[in-house]
Amino acid sequence: MFLLRRPTGREIEQFLERSHDLPLSYGPTGIVRHRSAVHRFDEQAVIVGRGEADFERACGALAGWSHFDIGWVEAFPSRFSVEEGTDVAVLIRHLGFWSLNGARVLYQVTGDREDAFGFAYGTLTNHAESGEELFEVSIDRQCGDVTYRIRAVSRPQSALVWIGQPVARVLQARFRRDSAAALRRAIADRGGPD
């Protein structure tokens, strides 16, 4: 949904309510796990911290959606969850207008992997793009590096995104960069005084 002004809190709530019954805009789920000839595949992995304490802070920050605290992108609802089935509205300000996009949390990266935490969401039919995105933090137990990885598989779904693909690609790259910076800030803020 493209808008000329920022939607009100109530409008975002109504968007989320309407999203609950919508299907994913693609299939099958899990496409972010491997490359596809049909979808664009983007991946970025950056070191955001070092050591067990930074890893724990990174996990908490990711679970609280701190990686979306970048100013021009916001995620709703305000009570965040990374539980499977959680519907999310992603509000983006770009080029003087706003877009509101629906997504659903599909799965978490946990289980027997004690060195990683994350989740993936998939786009709903009310999203401008069609695809899946994975957000994951991991720790290398050998050297202590804490890495944040974003992996996205997508293709344009709305006519405006089809027409503006070069701009959409720039915004996607900007999001990956800004999201990593937001996670670094969240890790530092959660570290407390030295």
C-alpha atoms as a PDB file:
ATOM      1  CA  MET A   1       0.000   0.000   0.000  1.00  0.00           C
ATOM      2  CA  PHE A   2       1.528   3.334  -1.100  1.00  0.00           C
ATOM      3  CA  LEU A   3       0.562   6.535   0.733  1.00  0.00           C
ATOM      4  CA  LEU A   4       1.283  10.245   0.397  1.00  0.00           C
ATOM      5  CA  ARG A   5       1.384  10.702   4.181  1.00  0.00           C
ATOM      6  CA  ARG A   6       2.411   8.652   7.183  1.00  0.00           C
ATOM      7  CA  PRO A   7      -0.480   6.401   8.245  1.00  0.00           C
ATOM      8  CA  THR A   8      -1.940   6.908  11.711  1.00  0.00           C
ATOM      9  CA  GLY A   9      -1.543   4.308  14.435  1.00  0.00           C
ATOM     10  CA  ARG A  10      -5.145   3.243  13.904  1.00  0.00           C
ATOM     11  CA  GLU A  11      -4.612   2.839  10.145  1.00  0.00           C
ATOM     12  CA  ILE A  12      -1.590   0.619  10.832  1.00  0.00           C
ATOM     13  CA  GLU A  13      -3.649  -1.463  13.295  1.00  0.00           C
ATOM     14  CA  GLN A  14      -6.386  -1.877  10.686  1.00  0.00           C
ATOM     15  CA  PHE A  15      -3.781  -2.882   8.086  1.00  0.00           C
ATOM     16  CA  LEU A  16      -2.470  -5.550  10.481  1.00  0.00           C
ATOM     17  CA  GLU A  17      -6.005  -6.784  11.213  1.00  0.00           C
ATOM     18  CA  ARG A  18      -6.677  -7.159   7.471  1.00  0.00           C
ATOM     19  CA  SER A  19      -3.334  -8.957   7.063  1.00  0.00           C
ATOM     20  CA  HIS A  20      -4.240 -11.817   9.419  1.00  0.00           C
ATOM     21  CA  ASP A  21      -6.287 -13.672   6.802  1.00  0.00           C
ATOM     22  CA  LEU A  22      -4.011 -12.995   3.831  1.00  0.00           C
ATOM     23  CA  PRO A  23      -1.875 -15.720   2.266  1.00  0.00           C
ATOM     24  CA  LEU A  24       1.821 -15.465   1.486  1.00  0.00           C
ATOM     25  CA  SER A  25       2.520 -13.886  -1.897  1.00  0.00           C
ATOM     26  CA  TYR A  26       4.756 -16.757  -3.037  1.00  0.00           C
ATOM     27  CA  GLY A  27       5.395 -20.422  -2.422  1.00  0.00           C
ATOM     28  CA  PRO A  28       6.817 -22.669  -1.246  1.00  0.00           C
ATOM     29  CA  THR A  29       8.195 -21.301   2.026  1.00  0.00           C
ATOM     30  CA  GLY A  30      11.883 -21.713   2.724  1.00  0.00           C
ATOM     31  CA  ILE A  31      13.048 -20.138  -0.558  1.00  0.00           C
ATOM     32  CA  VAL A  32      15.529 -17.977   1.353  1.00  0.00           C
ATOM     33  CA  ARG A  33      17.569 -21.089   2.158  1.00  0.00           C
ATOM     34  CA  HIS A  34      18.887 -21.440  -1.416  1.00  0.00           C
ATOM     35  CA  ARG A  35      19.315 -19.447  -4.593  1.00  0.00           C
ATOM     36  CA  SER A  36      16.481 -19.287  -7.122  1.00  0.00           C
ATOM     37  CA  ALA A  37      16.459 -18.486 -10.828  1.00  0.00           C
ATOM     38  CA  VAL A  38      13.042 -16.824 -10.418  1.00  0.00           C
ATOM     39  CA  HIS A  39      13.818 -14.507  -7.480  1.00  0.00           C
ATOM     40  CA  ARG A  40      16.617 -12.060  -6.663  1.00  0.00           C
ATOM     41  CA  PHE A  41      18.973 -13.376  -3.997  1.00  0.00           C
ATOM     42  CA  ASP A  42      20.772 -10.896  -1.726  1.00  0.00           C
ATOM     43  CA  GLU A  43      22.964 -11.671   1.245  1.00  0.00           C
ATOM     44  CA  GLN A  44      25.066  -9.593   3.587  1.00  0.00           C
ATOM     45  CA  ALA A  45      27.006 -10.785   6.614  1.00  0.00           C
ATOM     46  CA  VAL A  46      28.826  -8.312   8.867  1.00  0.00           C
ATOM     47  CA  ILE A  47      30.592  -8.599  12.196  1.00  0.00           C
ATOM     48  CA  VAL A  48      28.601  -6.663  14.801  1.00  0.00           C
ATOM     49  CA  GLY A  49      30.349  -7.678  18.018  1.00  0.00           C
ATOM     50  CA  ARG A  50      32.725  -9.987  19.782  1.00  0.00           C
ATOM     51  CA  GLY A  51      32.298 -12.501  22.568  1.00  0.00           C
ATOM     52  CA  GLU A  52      29.495 -14.244  24.400  1.00  0.00           C
ATOM     53  CA  ALA A  53      28.066 -11.068  25.986  1.00  0.00           C
ATOM     54  CA  ASP A  54      27.740  -9.358  22.593  1.00  0.00           C
ATOM     55  CA  PHE A  55      26.145 -12.508  21.172  1.00  0.00           C
ATOM     56  CA  GLU A  56      23.531 -12.570  23.947  1.00  0.00           C
ATOM     57  CA  ARG A  57      22.822  -8.846  23.437  1.00  0.00           C
ATOM     58  CA  ALA A  58      22.566  -9.397  19.671  1.00  0.00           C
ATOM     59  CA  CYS A  59      20.031 -12.205  20.188  1.00  0.00           C
ATOM     60  CA  GLY A  60      17.930  -9.971  22.462  1.00  0.00           C
ATOM     61  CA  ALA A  61      18.152  -7.045  20.050  1.00  0.00           C
ATOM     62  CA  LEU A  62      17.105  -9.207  17.113  1.00  0.00           C
ATOM     63  CA  ALA A  63      14.170 -10.675  19.078  1.00  0.00           C
ATOM     64  CA  GLY A  64      13.096  -7.081  19.864  1.00  0.00           C
ATOM     65  CA  TRP A  65      13.339  -6.069  16.187  1.00  0.00           C
ATOM     66  CA  SER A  66      16.070  -3.487  16.957  1.00  0.00           C
ATOM     67  CA  HIS A  67      17.486  -4.129  13.484  1.00  0.00           C
ATOM     68  CA  PHE A  68      14.503  -2.132  12.160  1.00  0.00           C
ATOM     69  CA  ASP A  69      15.354   0.969  14.251  1.00  0.00           C
ATOM     70  CA  ILE A  70      16.800   2.857  11.312  1.00  0.00           C
ATOM     71  CA  GLY A  71      14.595   5.949  11.065  1.00  0.00           C
ATOM     72  CA  TRP A  72      13.131   5.445   7.613  1.00  0.00           C
ATOM     73  CA  VAL A  73      11.807   1.897   8.223  1.00  0.00           C
ATOM     74  CA  GLU A  74       9.634   0.762  11.136  1.00  0.00           C
ATOM     75  CA  ALA A  75       8.035  -2.538  12.082  1.00  0.00           C
ATOM     76  CA  PHE A  76       4.682  -2.947  13.829  1.00  0.00           C
ATOM     77  CA  PRO A  77       3.029  -4.038  16.140  1.00  0.00           C
ATOM     78  CA  SER A  78       4.759  -2.313  19.019  1.00  0.00           C
ATOM     79  CA  ARG A  79       4.788  -5.573  21.049  1.00  0.00           C
ATOM     80  CA  PHE A  80       7.273  -7.459  18.931  1.00  0.00           C
ATOM     81  CA  SER A  81       7.401 -11.204  18.572  1.00  0.00           C
ATOM     82  CA  VAL A  82       9.416 -13.559  16.419  1.00  0.00           C
ATOM     83  CA  GLU A  83       6.998 -16.438  17.017  1.00  0.00           C
ATOM     84  CA  GLU A  84       5.881 -18.338  13.945  1.00  0.00           C
ATOM     85  CA  GLY A  85       2.650 -16.887  12.548  1.00  0.00           C
ATOM     86  CA  THR A  86       3.195 -13.337  13.839  1.00  0.00           C
ATOM     87  CA  ASP A  87       1.950 -10.773  11.315  1.00  0.00           C
ATOM     88  CA  VAL A  88       4.083  -7.682  10.827  1.00  0.00           C
ATOM     89  CA  ALA A  89       3.518  -4.350   9.098  1.00  0.00           C
ATOM     90  CA  VAL A  90       6.668  -2.769   7.693  1.00  0.00           C
ATOM     91  CA  LEU A  91       6.358   0.989   7.191  1.00  0.00           C
ATOM     92  CA  ILE A  92       8.896   2.575   4.829  1.00  0.00           C
ATOM     93  CA  ARG A  93       9.449   6.239   3.988  1.00  0.00           C
ATOM     94  CA  HIS A  94      11.090   6.670   0.603  1.00  0.00           C
ATOM     95  CA  LEU A  95      11.246   9.312  -2.094  1.00  0.00           C
ATOM     96  CA  GLY A  96       8.709  11.543  -0.345  1.00  0.00           C
ATOM     97  CA  PHE A  97       5.989   8.955   0.167  1.00  0.00           C
ATOM     98  CA  TRP A  98       5.261   5.991   2.428  1.00  0.00           C
ATOM     99  CA  SER A  99       4.582   2.324   1.848  1.00  0.00           C
ATOM    100  CA  LEU A 100       2.995  -0.147   4.243  1.00  0.00           C
ATOM    101  CA  ASN A 101       3.830  -3.806   3.631  1.00  0.00           C
ATOM    102  CA  GLY A 102       2.556  -7.009   5.237  1.00  0.00           C
ATOM    103  CA  ALA A 103       4.740  -9.958   6.261  1.00  0.00           C
ATOM    104  CA  ARG A 104       4.461 -13.041   8.477  1.00  0.00           C
ATOM    105  CA  VAL A 105       7.111 -14.705  10.647  1.00  0.00           C
ATOM    106  CA  LEU A 106       7.640 -18.198   9.207  1.00  0.00           C
ATOM    107  CA  TYR A 107      10.216 -19.860  11.443  1.00  0.00           C
ATOM    108  CA  GLN A 108      13.026 -19.284  13.908  1.00  0.00           C
ATOM    109  CA  VAL A 109      16.674 -20.243  13.611  1.00  0.00           C
ATOM    110  CA  THR A 110      17.233 -22.082  16.890  1.00  0.00           C
ATOM    111  CA  GLY A 111      16.960 -25.696  17.917  1.00  0.00           C
ATOM    112  CA  ASP A 112      20.205 -27.563  18.434  1.00  0.00           C
ATOM    113  CA  ARG A 113      22.250 -24.627  17.116  1.00  0.00           C
ATOM    114  CA  GLU A 114      23.423 -22.832  20.232  1.00  0.00           C
ATOM    115  CA  ASP A 115      25.671 -20.621  18.115  1.00  0.00           C
ATOM    116  CA  ALA A 116      22.864 -18.906  16.131  1.00  0.00           C
ATOM    117  CA  PHE A 117      19.516 -17.201  16.598  1.00  0.00           C
ATOM    118  CA  GLY A 118      17.204 -15.579  14.098  1.00  0.00           C
ATOM    119  CA  PHE A 119      13.973 -15.752  12.172  1.00  0.00           C
ATOM    120  CA  ALA A 120      12.593 -15.495   8.660  1.00  0.00           C
ATOM    121  CA  TYR A 121       9.492 -13.758   7.446  1.00  0.00           C
ATOM    122  CA  GLY A 122       7.589 -14.045   4.202  1.00  0.00           C
ATOM    123  CA  THR A 123       5.693 -11.386   2.315  1.00  0.00           C
ATOM    124  CA  LEU A 124       1.911 -11.328   2.256  1.00  0.00           C
ATOM    125  CA  THR A 125      -0.194 -10.389  -0.755  1.00  0.00           C
ATOM    126  CA  ASN A 126      -0.362  -6.775   0.546  1.00  0.00           C
ATOM    127  CA  HIS A 127       3.434  -6.325   0.262  1.00  0.00           C
ATOM    128  CA  ALA A 128       5.083  -4.446  -2.634  1.00  0.00           C
ATOM    129  CA  GLU A 129       7.637  -7.261  -3.027  1.00  0.00           C
ATOM    130  CA  SER A 130       7.200 -11.019  -3.083  1.00  0.00           C
ATOM    131  CA  GLY A 131       9.652 -13.196  -1.188  1.00  0.00           C
ATOM    132  CA  GLU A 132      11.323 -14.123   2.058  1.00  0.00           C
ATOM    133  CA  GLU A 133      13.906 -12.541   4.356  1.00  0.00           C
ATOM    134  CA  LEU A 134      16.105 -14.125   7.029  1.00  0.00           C
ATOM    135  CA  PHE A 135      17.667 -12.194   9.926  1.00  0.00           C
ATOM    136  CA  GLU A 136      20.262 -14.140  11.896  1.00  0.00           C
ATOM    137  CA  VAL A 137      23.016 -13.550  14.441  1.00  0.00           C
ATOM    138  CA  SER A 138      25.673 -16.151  15.114  1.00  0.00           C
ATOM    139  CA  ILE A 139      28.883 -16.511  17.074  1.00  0.00           C
ATOM    140  CA  ASP A 140      32.079 -18.163  15.922  1.00  0.00           C
ATOM    141  CA  ARG A 141      33.109 -20.037  19.066  1.00  0.00           C
ATOM    142  CA  GLN A 142      36.723 -20.215  17.848  1.00  0.00           C
ATOM    143  CA  CYS A 143      37.439 -16.491  17.425  1.00  0.00           C
ATOM    144  CA  GLY A 144      34.418 -14.944  19.192  1.00  0.00           C
ATOM    145  CA  ASP A 145      33.135 -12.901  16.230  1.00  0.00           C
ATOM    146  CA  VAL A 146      29.411 -12.154  16.326  1.00  0.00           C
ATOM    147  CA  THR A 147      27.986 -11.941  12.812  1.00  0.00           C
ATOM    148  CA  TYR A 148      24.685 -10.510  11.623  1.00  0.00           C
ATOM    149  CA  ARG A 149      23.404 -11.980   8.386  1.00  0.00           C
ATOM    150  CA  ILE A 150      20.515 -10.859   6.215  1.00  0.00           C
ATOM    151  CA  ARG A 151      19.508 -13.114   3.378  1.00  0.00           C
ATOM    152  CA  ALA A 152      16.651 -12.052   1.113  1.00  0.00           C
ATOM    153  CA  VAL A 153      14.968 -13.611  -1.877  1.00  0.00           C
ATOM    154  CA  SER A 154      12.510 -11.369  -3.684  1.00  0.00           C
ATOM    155  CA  ARG A 155      10.913 -10.098  -6.831  1.00  0.00           C
ATOM    156  CA  PRO A 156       8.689  -7.065  -7.423  1.00  0.00           C
ATOM    157  CA  GLN A 157       4.990  -7.627  -6.830  1.00  0.00           C
ATOM    158  CA  SER A 158       3.466  -4.167  -7.355  1.00  0.00           C
ATOM    159  CA  ALA A 159       3.571  -2.245 -10.616  1.00  0.00           C
ATOM    160  CA  LEU A 160       5.409   0.668  -8.973  1.00  0.00           C
ATOM    161  CA  VAL A 161       8.192  -1.628  -7.801  1.00  0.00           C
ATOM    162  CA  TRP A 162       8.424  -3.260 -11.252  1.00  0.00           C
ATOM    163  CA  ILE A 163       8.840   0.167 -12.830  1.00  0.00           C
ATOM    164  CA  GLY A 164      11.214   1.435 -10.145  1.00  0.00           C
ATOM    165  CA  GLN A 165      13.383  -1.682  -9.772  1.00  0.00           C
ATOM    166  CA  PRO A 166      16.711   0.219  -9.781  1.00  0.00           C
ATOM    167  CA  VAL A 167      15.476   2.454  -6.945  1.00  0.00           C
ATOM    168  CA  ALA A 168      14.066  -0.561  -5.069  1.00  0.00           C
ATOM    169  CA  ARG A 169      17.464  -2.285  -5.310  1.00  0.00           C
ATOM    170  CA  VAL A 170      19.211   0.789  -3.884  1.00  0.00           C
ATOM    171  CA  LEU A 171      16.716   0.924  -1.003  1.00  0.00           C
ATOM    172  CA  GLN A 172      17.217  -2.787  -0.293  1.00  0.00           C
ATOM    173  CA  ALA A 173      21.006  -2.324  -0.118  1.00  0.00           C
ATOM    174  CA  ARG A 174      20.531   0.739   2.096  1.00  0.00           C
ATOM    175  CA  PHE A 175      18.272  -1.268   4.413  1.00  0.00           C
ATOM    176  CA  ARG A 176      20.889  -4.020   4.798  1.00  0.00           C
ATOM    177  CA  ARG A 177      23.583  -1.464   5.642  1.00  0.00           C
ATOM    178  CA  ASP A 178      21.402   0.580   8.029  1.00  0.00           C
ATOM    179  CA  SER A 179      20.007  -2.543   9.685  1.00  0.00           C
ATOM    180  CA  ALA A 180      23.527  -3.770  10.553  1.00  0.00           C
ATOM    181  CA  ALA A 181      24.361  -0.346  12.002  1.00  0.00           C
ATOM    182  CA  ALA A 182      21.149  -0.424  14.088  1.00  0.00           C
ATOM    183  CA  LEU A 183      22.031  -3.851  15.463  1.00  0.00           C
ATOM    184  CA  ARG A 184      25.534  -2.642  16.377  1.00  0.00           C
ATOM    185  CA  ARG A 185      24.002   0.319  18.238  1.00  0.00           C
ATOM    186  CA  ALA A 186      21.555  -1.940  20.064  1.00  0.00           C
ATOM    187  CA  ILE A 187      24.389  -4.237  21.173  1.00  0.00           C
ATOM    188  CA  ALA A 188      26.404  -1.280  22.428  1.00  0.00           C
ATOM    189  CA  ASP A 189      23.378   0.251  24.216  1.00  0.00           C
ATOM    190  CA  ARG A 190      22.548  -3.034  25.946  1.00  0.00           C
ATOM    191  CA  GLY A 191      26.142  -3.374  27.149  1.00  0.00           C
ATOM    192  CA  GLY A 192      25.681  -0.793  29.887  1.00  0.00           C
ATOM    193  CA  PRO A 193      28.473   1.318  31.333  1.00  0.00           C
ATOM    194  CA  ASP A 194      32.051   0.073  31.082  1.00  0.00           C
END
